[in-house]
Amino acid sequence: MASLDLLSSGFDAVRQGQYRANTAAAEIARAGAPVSPSAAGAIPLQPATGQPAATTQVDSNRPVNLANSLVELQQAQRDVEAGASVIDTADEVLGTLIDIRA
């Protein structure tokens, strides 16, 4: 059913936006941290759950470009907003189809 494909696409967009936001946030947080040899290649953890915040390792030896990281956060926000909009539209379409069939 097409509306289920729309829901799946919306959830994928939200998931990608969350991943992008987590990665950008880790980069921004790394900018304020001193360079530590033990942190090289570390995967940042979410404070609340202790789960990895991203699936890619953070290279602590390369410089952080805060402007790029902030742009990534804005793009992540747009990804999530677009995904939520797709989910809302799919919900409305599914509701209309159910109303028509009932």
N, C-alpha and C. Protein backbone atom coordinates (compact mmCIF):
# COMPACT_ATOMS: atom_id res chain seq x y z
N MET A 1 0.85 -1.18 0.00
CA MET A 1 0.00 0.00 0.00
C MET A 1 0.89 1.24 0.00
N ALA A 2 0.51 2.21 -0.79
CA ALA A 2 1.33 3.41 -0.98
C ALA A 2 1.50 4.21 0.30
N SER A 3 0.46 4.27 1.13
CA SER A 3 0.57 5.08 2.35
C SER A 3 1.56 4.47 3.33
N LEU A 4 1.69 3.15 3.32
CA LEU A 4 2.69 2.51 4.19
C LEU A 4 4.09 2.80 3.69
N ASP A 5 4.27 2.88 2.37
CA ASP A 5 5.57 3.27 1.81
C ASP A 5 5.91 4.71 2.20
N LEU A 6 4.88 5.57 2.22
CA LEU A 6 5.10 6.96 2.64
C LEU A 6 5.51 7.02 4.11
N LEU A 7 4.86 6.22 4.94
CA LEU A 7 5.23 6.19 6.36
C LEU A 7 6.68 5.73 6.52
N SER A 8 7.04 4.70 5.79
CA SER A 8 8.40 4.18 5.86
C SER A 8 9.41 5.23 5.41
N SER A 9 9.09 5.95 4.34
CA SER A 9 9.98 7.01 3.85
C SER A 9 10.11 8.13 4.88
N GLY A 10 8.99 8.46 5.51
CA GLY A 10 9.02 9.50 6.54
C GLY A 10 9.88 9.10 7.72
N PHE A 11 9.72 7.85 8.17
CA PHE A 11 10.53 7.38 9.30
C PHE A 11 12.01 7.32 8.93
N ASP A 12 12.31 6.94 7.70
CA ASP A 12 13.71 6.92 7.25
C ASP A 12 14.31 8.32 7.26
N ALA A 13 13.54 9.31 6.82
CA ALA A 13 14.03 10.69 6.81
C ALA A 13 14.28 11.18 8.23
N VAL A 14 13.38 10.84 9.16
CA VAL A 14 13.57 11.23 10.56
C VAL A 14 14.81 10.56 11.13
N ARG A 15 14.98 9.27 10.84
CA ARG A 15 16.14 8.52 11.33
C ARG A 15 17.45 9.12 10.79
N GLN A 16 17.47 9.46 9.51
CA GLN A 16 18.67 10.05 8.92
C GLN A 16 18.96 11.42 9.53
N GLY A 17 17.91 12.19 9.81
CA GLY A 17 18.09 13.48 10.45
C GLY A 17 18.65 13.33 11.86
N GLN A 18 18.18 12.33 12.59
CA GLN A 18 18.71 12.09 13.93
C GLN A 18 20.18 11.68 13.88
N TYR A 19 20.51 10.84 12.92
CA TYR A 19 21.90 10.42 12.79
C TYR A 19 22.79 11.62 12.46
N ARG A 20 22.33 12.45 11.52
CA ARG A 20 23.10 13.63 11.12
C ARG A 20 23.27 14.57 12.31
N ALA A 21 22.21 14.76 13.09
CA ALA A 21 22.28 15.64 14.26
C ALA A 21 23.24 15.09 15.31
N ASN A 22 23.19 13.78 15.55
CA ASN A 22 24.10 13.17 16.53
C ASN A 22 25.55 13.33 16.11
N THR A 23 25.81 13.12 14.84
CA THR A 23 27.18 13.24 14.34
C THR A 23 27.68 14.69 14.44
N ALA A 24 26.83 15.64 14.04
CA ALA A 24 27.23 17.05 14.12
C ALA A 24 27.41 17.48 15.57
N ALA A 25 26.53 17.02 16.45
CA ALA A 25 26.65 17.38 17.86
C ALA A 25 27.94 16.83 18.46
N ALA A 26 28.30 15.62 18.07
CA ALA A 26 29.56 15.04 18.56
C ALA A 26 30.75 15.85 18.07
N GLU A 27 30.69 16.33 16.84
CA GLU A 27 31.76 17.17 16.30
C GLU A 27 31.86 18.48 17.08
N ILE A 28 30.71 19.09 17.37
CA ILE A 28 30.71 20.35 18.10
C ILE A 28 31.24 20.13 19.52
N ALA A 29 30.83 19.05 20.16
CA ALA A 29 31.30 18.77 21.51
C ALA A 29 32.81 18.51 21.52
N ARG A 30 33.31 17.88 20.47
CA ARG A 30 34.73 17.59 20.38
C ARG A 30 35.55 18.86 20.22
N ALA A 31 34.93 19.91 19.68
CA ALA A 31 35.65 21.16 19.45
C ALA A 31 36.11 21.78 20.77
N GLY A 32 35.35 21.60 21.82
CA GLY A 32 35.71 22.20 23.09
C GLY A 32 36.55 21.30 23.97
N ALA A 33 36.76 20.07 23.55
CA ALA A 33 37.51 19.12 24.36
C ALA A 33 38.99 19.15 24.00
N PRO A 34 39.85 19.00 24.99
CA PRO A 34 41.29 18.94 24.68
C PRO A 34 41.61 17.65 23.92
N VAL A 35 42.63 17.71 23.08
CA VAL A 35 43.04 16.54 22.32
C VAL A 35 43.65 15.52 23.27
N SER A 36 43.11 14.32 23.22
CA SER A 36 43.57 13.26 24.11
C SER A 36 43.93 12.03 23.28
N PRO A 37 45.14 11.48 23.47
CA PRO A 37 45.50 10.29 22.70
C PRO A 37 44.58 9.10 22.97
N SER A 38 44.03 9.02 24.18
CA SER A 38 43.14 7.89 24.50
C SER A 38 41.79 8.02 23.83
N ALA A 39 41.42 9.25 23.43
CA ALA A 39 40.11 9.46 22.80
C ALA A 39 40.16 9.25 21.29
N ALA A 40 41.31 9.01 20.75
CA ALA A 40 41.42 8.84 19.30
C ALA A 40 40.62 7.62 18.87
N GLY A 41 39.72 7.83 17.94
CA GLY A 41 38.91 6.74 17.42
C GLY A 41 37.76 6.35 18.33
N ALA A 42 37.48 7.13 19.35
CA ALA A 42 36.39 6.80 20.27
C ALA A 42 35.04 7.07 19.61
N ILE A 43 34.04 6.32 20.02
CA ILE A 43 32.69 6.54 19.55
C ILE A 43 31.94 7.24 20.69
N PRO A 44 31.40 8.45 20.44
CA PRO A 44 30.72 9.17 21.51
C PRO A 44 29.48 8.43 21.98
N LEU A 45 29.19 8.52 23.29
CA LEU A 45 28.04 7.85 23.88
C LEU A 45 26.97 8.88 24.24
N GLN A 46 25.70 8.44 24.18
CA GLN A 46 24.61 9.29 24.62
C GLN A 46 24.62 9.29 26.14
N PRO A 47 24.53 10.46 26.77
CA PRO A 47 24.62 10.52 28.24
C PRO A 47 23.49 9.76 28.94
N ALA A 48 22.28 9.81 28.41
CA ALA A 48 21.14 9.22 29.10
C ALA A 48 21.15 7.70 29.07
N THR A 49 21.55 7.12 27.93
CA THR A 49 21.45 5.67 27.77
C THR A 49 22.78 4.95 27.78
N GLY A 50 23.86 5.66 27.51
CA GLY A 50 25.16 5.02 27.40
C GLY A 50 25.35 4.28 26.08
N GLN A 51 24.38 4.42 25.17
CA GLN A 51 24.46 3.79 23.85
C GLN A 51 25.29 4.67 22.92
N PRO A 52 25.90 4.08 21.91
CA PRO A 52 26.67 4.90 20.95
C PRO A 52 25.78 5.94 20.29
N ALA A 53 26.27 7.18 20.21
CA ALA A 53 25.51 8.27 19.59
C ALA A 53 25.62 8.21 18.07
N ALA A 54 26.65 7.60 17.58
CA ALA A 54 26.85 7.49 16.14
C ALA A 54 27.54 6.16 15.86
N THR A 55 27.42 5.71 14.64
CA THR A 55 28.04 4.44 14.29
C THR A 55 29.45 4.62 13.74
N THR A 56 29.83 5.86 13.52
CA THR A 56 31.17 6.11 13.00
C THR A 56 32.06 6.65 14.10
N GLN A 57 33.31 6.32 14.02
CA GLN A 57 34.26 6.80 15.01
C GLN A 57 34.59 8.26 14.77
N VAL A 58 34.87 8.97 15.86
CA VAL A 58 35.24 10.38 15.78
C VAL A 58 36.76 10.45 15.74
N ASP A 59 37.27 11.09 14.71
CA ASP A 59 38.72 11.27 14.59
C ASP A 59 39.09 12.52 15.36
N SER A 60 39.65 12.34 16.55
CA SER A 60 39.92 13.49 17.41
C SER A 60 41.18 14.26 17.00
N ASN A 61 41.92 13.77 16.03
CA ASN A 61 43.14 14.45 15.62
C ASN A 61 42.93 15.46 14.51
N ARG A 62 41.79 15.43 13.85
CA ARG A 62 41.56 16.40 12.79
C ARG A 62 40.82 17.60 13.35
N PRO A 63 41.03 18.77 12.78
CA PRO A 63 40.40 19.98 13.31
C PRO A 63 38.89 19.98 13.06
N VAL A 64 38.17 20.64 13.95
CA VAL A 64 36.72 20.74 13.85
C VAL A 64 36.36 22.07 13.20
N ASN A 65 35.50 22.02 12.21
CA ASN A 65 34.99 23.23 11.59
C ASN A 65 33.59 23.46 12.15
N LEU A 66 33.48 24.40 13.08
CA LEU A 66 32.19 24.63 13.75
C LEU A 66 31.11 25.10 12.78
N ALA A 67 31.48 25.87 11.79
CA ALA A 67 30.48 26.35 10.83
C ALA A 67 29.86 25.18 10.09
N ASN A 68 30.67 24.24 9.64
CA ASN A 68 30.14 23.07 8.94
C ASN A 68 29.26 22.23 9.86
N SER A 69 29.68 22.09 11.11
CA SER A 69 28.90 21.30 12.06
C SER A 69 27.55 21.95 12.35
N LEU A 70 27.53 23.27 12.46
CA LEU A 70 26.26 23.97 12.68
C LEU A 70 25.35 23.87 11.47
N VAL A 71 25.93 23.93 10.28
CA VAL A 71 25.14 23.75 9.06
C VAL A 71 24.56 22.33 9.03
N GLU A 72 25.35 21.35 9.44
CA GLU A 72 24.86 19.97 9.50
C GLU A 72 23.69 19.85 10.47
N LEU A 73 23.76 20.56 11.60
CA LEU A 73 22.64 20.53 12.56
C LEU A 73 21.38 21.13 11.93
N GLN A 74 21.53 22.22 11.20
CA GLN A 74 20.37 22.83 10.53
C GLN A 74 19.79 21.88 9.48
N GLN A 75 20.66 21.22 8.73
CA GLN A 75 20.19 20.28 7.72
C GLN A 75 19.49 19.09 8.38
N ALA A 76 20.01 18.67 9.52
CA ALA A 76 19.36 17.58 10.26
C ALA A 76 17.97 17.99 10.71
N GLN A 77 17.84 19.22 11.16
CA GLN A 77 16.52 19.71 11.57
C GLN A 77 15.56 19.69 10.39
N ARG A 78 16.03 20.12 9.23
CA ARG A 78 15.17 20.11 8.04
C ARG A 78 14.81 18.68 7.63
N ASP A 79 15.75 17.75 7.76
CA ASP A 79 15.46 16.34 7.45
C ASP A 79 14.34 15.82 8.33
N VAL A 80 14.43 16.10 9.63
CA VAL A 80 13.42 15.62 10.57
C VAL A 80 12.07 16.29 10.29
N GLU A 81 12.09 17.59 10.02
CA GLU A 81 10.84 18.29 9.72
C GLU A 81 10.19 17.74 8.45
N ALA A 82 10.98 17.48 7.43
CA ALA A 82 10.45 16.94 6.19
C ALA A 82 9.89 15.53 6.42
N GLY A 83 10.60 14.72 7.17
CA GLY A 83 10.12 13.37 7.47
C GLY A 83 8.82 13.40 8.26
N ALA A 84 8.73 14.32 9.23
CA ALA A 84 7.51 14.44 10.01
C ALA A 84 6.34 14.90 9.14
N SER A 85 6.62 15.78 8.20
CA SER A 85 5.59 16.23 7.28
C SER A 85 5.09 15.08 6.40
N VAL A 86 6.00 14.25 5.93
CA VAL A 86 5.62 13.09 5.13
C VAL A 86 4.77 12.13 5.96
N ILE A 87 5.15 11.93 7.21
CA ILE A 87 4.38 11.04 8.10
C ILE A 87 2.98 11.61 8.32
N ASP A 88 2.86 12.91 8.56
CA ASP A 88 1.55 13.54 8.75
C ASP A 88 0.68 13.36 7.50
N THR A 89 1.28 13.58 6.33
CA THR A 89 0.52 13.43 5.09
C THR A 89 0.07 12.00 4.89
N ALA A 90 0.96 11.04 5.14
CA ALA A 90 0.59 9.63 4.99
C ALA A 90 -0.52 9.26 5.98
N ASP A 91 -0.48 9.82 7.18
CA ASP A 91 -1.52 9.57 8.17
C ASP A 91 -2.87 10.10 7.69
N GLU A 92 -2.86 11.30 7.12
CA GLU A 92 -4.10 11.88 6.59
C GLU A 92 -4.65 11.05 5.44
N VAL A 93 -3.77 10.62 4.53
CA VAL A 93 -4.19 9.81 3.39
C VAL A 93 -4.78 8.49 3.88
N LEU A 94 -4.11 7.86 4.81
CA LEU A 94 -4.60 6.58 5.34
C LEU A 94 -5.94 6.78 6.04
N GLY A 95 -6.08 7.86 6.80
CA GLY A 95 -7.36 8.15 7.46
C GLY A 95 -8.46 8.37 6.45
N THR A 96 -8.18 9.09 5.38
CA THR A 96 -9.18 9.32 4.33
C THR A 96 -9.56 8.01 3.66
N LEU A 97 -8.59 7.16 3.37
CA LEU A 97 -8.91 5.86 2.75
C LEU A 97 -9.77 5.01 3.66
N ILE A 98 -9.49 5.03 4.94
CA ILE A 98 -10.29 4.24 5.89
C ILE A 98 -11.72 4.81 5.95
N ASP A 99 -11.83 6.14 5.96
CA ASP A 99 -13.16 6.76 5.99
C ASP A 99 -13.97 6.42 4.73
N ILE A 100 -13.30 6.37 3.59
CA ILE A 100 -13.98 6.05 2.33
C ILE A 100 -14.47 4.60 2.33
N ARG A 101 -13.62 3.71 2.83
CA ARG A 101 -13.96 2.28 2.84
C ARG A 101 -15.00 1.93 3.90
N ALA A 102 -15.11 2.71 4.95
CA ALA A 102 -16.00 2.37 6.07
C ALA A 102 -17.42 2.75 5.82
